[in-house]
């Protein structure tokens, strides 16, 4: 999640280019007198659950007072592609020599077949899960397709009322 008070909020759906988006917005806004709230808080740190990185729109709407007056957006990537991307990302982490795993993630990282795990445990983590209300109500979140993100990036910057910037490709190949 990245929140630009009185401007915009980005709902970060896992494996949809969200770290690239947060990096571009934060590096453009911070230091330019554009208030910016960037969340990179992992879900396993429960004390900060309210501001976790992958927070849903229905939760964010509950504490962003000007929700109806700001631009709200997210990125859609087909769920199977997201699962495969997460599986590749985890394999890349495991392949690093001396990789450090937080204690809270040791059981998760010990799973042999993450792709099957995601299909069974995260099947409900759809784009709608992140962008709609808990009963499926429309919360006014504009959803961009993942593959269109590079060519529509400047449009997103304009709607967020921030200077146009480049969109980096972080975690590329995952």
Protein backbone atom coordinates (compact mmCIF):
# COMPACT_ATOMS: atom_id res chain seq x y z
CA UNK A 1 0.00 0.00 0.00
CA UNK A 2 1.09 3.49 -0.71
CA UNK A 3 -1.00 6.42 0.43
CA UNK A 4 -0.65 9.98 -0.78
CA UNK A 5 -2.90 12.03 1.54
CA UNK A 6 -5.47 14.10 -0.36
CA UNK A 7 -4.24 12.56 -3.66
CA UNK A 8 -4.32 8.78 -4.05
CA UNK A 9 -3.96 5.30 -2.60
CA UNK A 10 -2.44 2.24 -4.27
CA UNK A 11 -3.78 -1.14 -3.20
CA UNK A 12 -0.84 -3.54 -3.54
CA UNK A 13 -1.95 -6.99 -4.68
CA UNK A 14 0.94 -9.48 -4.32
CA UNK A 15 3.04 -10.17 -7.44
CA UNK A 16 1.53 -7.42 -9.60
CA UNK A 17 4.47 -5.00 -9.81
CA UNK A 18 3.62 -3.33 -6.52
CA UNK A 19 7.18 -2.90 -5.26
CA UNK A 20 8.09 -1.17 -8.53
CA UNK A 21 5.08 1.13 -8.18
CA UNK A 22 5.83 1.94 -4.53
CA UNK A 23 9.49 2.59 -5.36
CA UNK A 24 8.61 4.95 -8.24
CA UNK A 25 6.03 6.91 -6.26
CA UNK A 26 8.09 7.13 -3.07
CA UNK A 27 11.28 8.20 -4.84
CA UNK A 28 9.33 10.84 -6.75
CA UNK A 29 7.35 12.25 -3.82
CA UNK A 30 9.62 12.04 -0.80
CA UNK A 31 11.68 15.20 -0.56
CA UNK A 32 9.28 17.16 -2.80
CA UNK A 33 6.85 18.18 -0.08
CA UNK A 34 4.37 15.49 -1.16
CA UNK A 35 3.27 13.60 1.98
CA UNK A 36 3.75 9.87 1.39
CA UNK A 37 2.91 6.82 3.48
CA UNK A 38 4.66 3.71 2.16
CA UNK A 39 3.97 0.33 3.67
CA UNK A 40 6.42 -2.49 3.19
CA UNK A 41 5.27 -4.18 6.39
CA UNK A 42 5.11 -7.97 5.92
CA UNK A 43 1.92 -9.72 7.00
CA UNK A 44 3.67 -11.86 9.61
CA UNK A 45 4.35 -8.81 11.82
CA UNK A 46 0.91 -8.72 13.41
CA UNK A 47 1.50 -5.65 15.60
CA UNK A 48 1.28 -3.52 12.45
CA UNK A 49 -1.46 -5.47 10.69
CA UNK A 50 -3.40 -2.29 9.90
CA UNK A 51 -0.59 -1.00 7.70
CA UNK A 52 0.65 -4.19 6.08
CA UNK A 53 1.99 -4.04 2.56
CA UNK A 54 -0.87 -6.01 0.97
CA UNK A 55 -3.85 -4.41 2.70
CA UNK A 56 -7.32 -4.69 1.17
CA UNK A 57 -9.34 -1.71 -0.01
CA UNK A 58 -12.13 -2.50 2.47
CA UNK A 59 -9.66 -2.14 5.38
CA UNK A 60 -8.00 0.97 3.95
CA UNK A 61 -11.38 2.63 3.39
CA UNK A 62 -12.01 2.27 7.13
CA UNK A 63 -9.18 4.60 8.11
CA UNK A 64 -8.53 6.86 5.11
CA UNK A 65 -10.95 9.69 5.83
CA UNK A 66 -10.96 11.17 2.33
CA UNK A 67 -11.40 7.76 0.61
CA UNK A 68 -14.19 8.96 -1.69
CA UNK A 69 -12.26 12.09 -2.70
CA UNK A 70 -8.94 10.56 -3.75
CA UNK A 71 -7.80 8.40 -6.64
CA UNK A 72 -7.74 4.68 -5.80
CA UNK A 73 -5.98 2.11 -7.97
CA UNK A 74 -4.62 -1.43 -8.11
CA UNK A 75 -3.08 -3.76 -10.68
CA UNK A 76 -4.63 -7.03 -11.86
CA UNK A 77 -2.57 -10.04 -12.87
CA UNK A 78 -4.24 -13.41 -13.44
CA UNK A 79 -4.12 -15.39 -10.22
CA UNK A 80 -2.36 -18.39 -11.78
CA UNK A 81 0.44 -16.06 -13.02
CA UNK A 82 0.68 -14.55 -9.54
CA UNK A 83 1.00 -18.01 -7.96
CA UNK A 84 3.70 -19.00 -10.45
CA UNK A 85 5.54 -15.72 -9.88
CA UNK A 86 5.46 -16.22 -6.10
CA UNK A 87 6.71 -19.78 -6.51
CA UNK A 88 9.67 -18.57 -8.64
CA UNK A 89 10.38 -15.78 -6.13
CA UNK A 90 10.53 -18.23 -3.22
CA UNK A 91 12.77 -20.62 -5.17
CA UNK A 92 15.10 -17.69 -5.91
CA UNK A 93 15.25 -16.82 -2.19
CA UNK A 94 15.93 -20.44 -1.22
CA UNK A 95 18.72 -20.67 -3.81
CA UNK A 96 20.66 -17.78 -2.27
CA UNK A 97 23.54 -18.96 -0.14
CA UNK A 98 23.19 -18.02 3.52
CA UNK A 99 19.71 -16.57 3.04
CA UNK A 100 18.17 -15.46 6.32
CA UNK A 101 14.56 -16.39 6.95
CA UNK A 102 12.61 -14.59 9.67
CA UNK A 103 11.54 -16.97 12.44
CA UNK A 104 7.87 -16.33 11.62
CA UNK A 105 8.40 -17.65 8.05
CA UNK A 106 10.46 -20.78 8.72
CA UNK A 107 7.49 -23.18 8.53
CA UNK A 108 6.21 -21.48 5.40
CA UNK A 109 9.61 -21.60 3.67
CA UNK A 110 9.95 -25.28 4.56
CA UNK A 111 6.97 -26.18 2.37
CA UNK A 112 8.19 -28.29 -0.56
CA UNK A 113 5.50 -27.44 -3.13
CA UNK A 114 4.58 -23.78 -2.80
CA UNK A 115 2.63 -23.72 -6.05
CA UNK A 116 0.15 -26.29 -4.73
CA UNK A 117 0.04 -24.47 -1.39
CA UNK A 118 -0.90 -21.18 -3.10
CA UNK A 119 -3.61 -22.85 -5.17
CA UNK A 120 -5.13 -24.43 -2.06
CA UNK A 121 -4.67 -21.66 0.51
CA UNK A 122 -4.71 -18.41 -1.47
CA UNK A 123 -7.34 -19.20 -4.12
CA UNK A 124 -9.62 -16.50 -2.65
CA UNK A 125 -6.91 -13.78 -2.89
CA UNK A 126 -8.31 -12.53 -6.18
CA UNK A 127 -8.19 -8.99 -7.50
CA UNK A 128 -11.76 -8.57 -6.24
CA UNK A 129 -10.74 -9.71 -2.74
CA UNK A 130 -8.26 -6.81 -2.60
CA UNK A 131 -10.30 -4.12 -4.40
CA UNK A 132 -13.94 -4.63 -3.42
CA UNK A 133 -15.82 -4.44 -0.15
CA UNK A 134 -16.29 -7.54 1.97
CA UNK A 135 -19.70 -8.13 0.37
CA UNK A 136 -18.48 -7.41 -3.15
CA UNK A 137 -19.47 -3.76 -3.17
CA UNK A 138 -17.66 -1.40 -5.55
CA UNK A 139 -15.18 0.76 -3.63
CA UNK A 140 -14.18 2.84 -6.65
CA UNK A 141 -10.78 1.26 -7.19
CA UNK A 142 -9.56 1.57 -10.78
CA UNK A 143 -7.86 -1.66 -11.82
CA UNK A 144 -5.10 -1.74 -14.43
CA UNK A 145 -3.95 -4.87 -16.22
CA UNK A 146 -0.42 -5.93 -15.29
CA UNK A 147 0.74 -6.18 -18.91
CA UNK A 148 -0.51 -2.62 -19.61
CA UNK A 149 1.25 -1.05 -16.64
CA UNK A 150 4.37 0.27 -18.45
CA UNK A 151 2.42 2.04 -21.18
CA UNK A 152 -0.17 3.47 -18.78
CA UNK A 153 2.24 4.51 -16.04
CA UNK A 154 2.26 8.24 -16.86
CA UNK A 155 -1.55 8.23 -16.85
CA UNK A 156 -1.42 6.79 -13.31
CA UNK A 157 1.08 9.47 -12.23
CA UNK A 158 -1.23 12.18 -13.59
CA UNK A 159 -4.25 10.73 -11.77
CA UNK A 160 -2.21 10.53 -8.54
CA UNK A 161 -1.30 14.21 -9.02
CA UNK A 162 2.42 13.51 -8.84
CA UNK A 163 5.26 14.35 -11.24
CA UNK A 164 5.70 11.82 -14.02
CA UNK A 165 8.53 9.41 -13.35
CA UNK A 166 9.98 6.18 -14.63
CA UNK A 167 8.62 2.84 -13.45
CA UNK A 168 11.52 0.58 -12.41
CA UNK A 169 11.42 -3.20 -12.91
CA UNK A 170 12.10 -4.56 -9.43
CA UNK A 171 11.99 -8.31 -8.79
CA UNK A 172 12.08 -8.81 -12.56
CA UNK A 173 11.89 -12.41 -13.61
CA UNK A 174 9.91 -13.47 -10.56
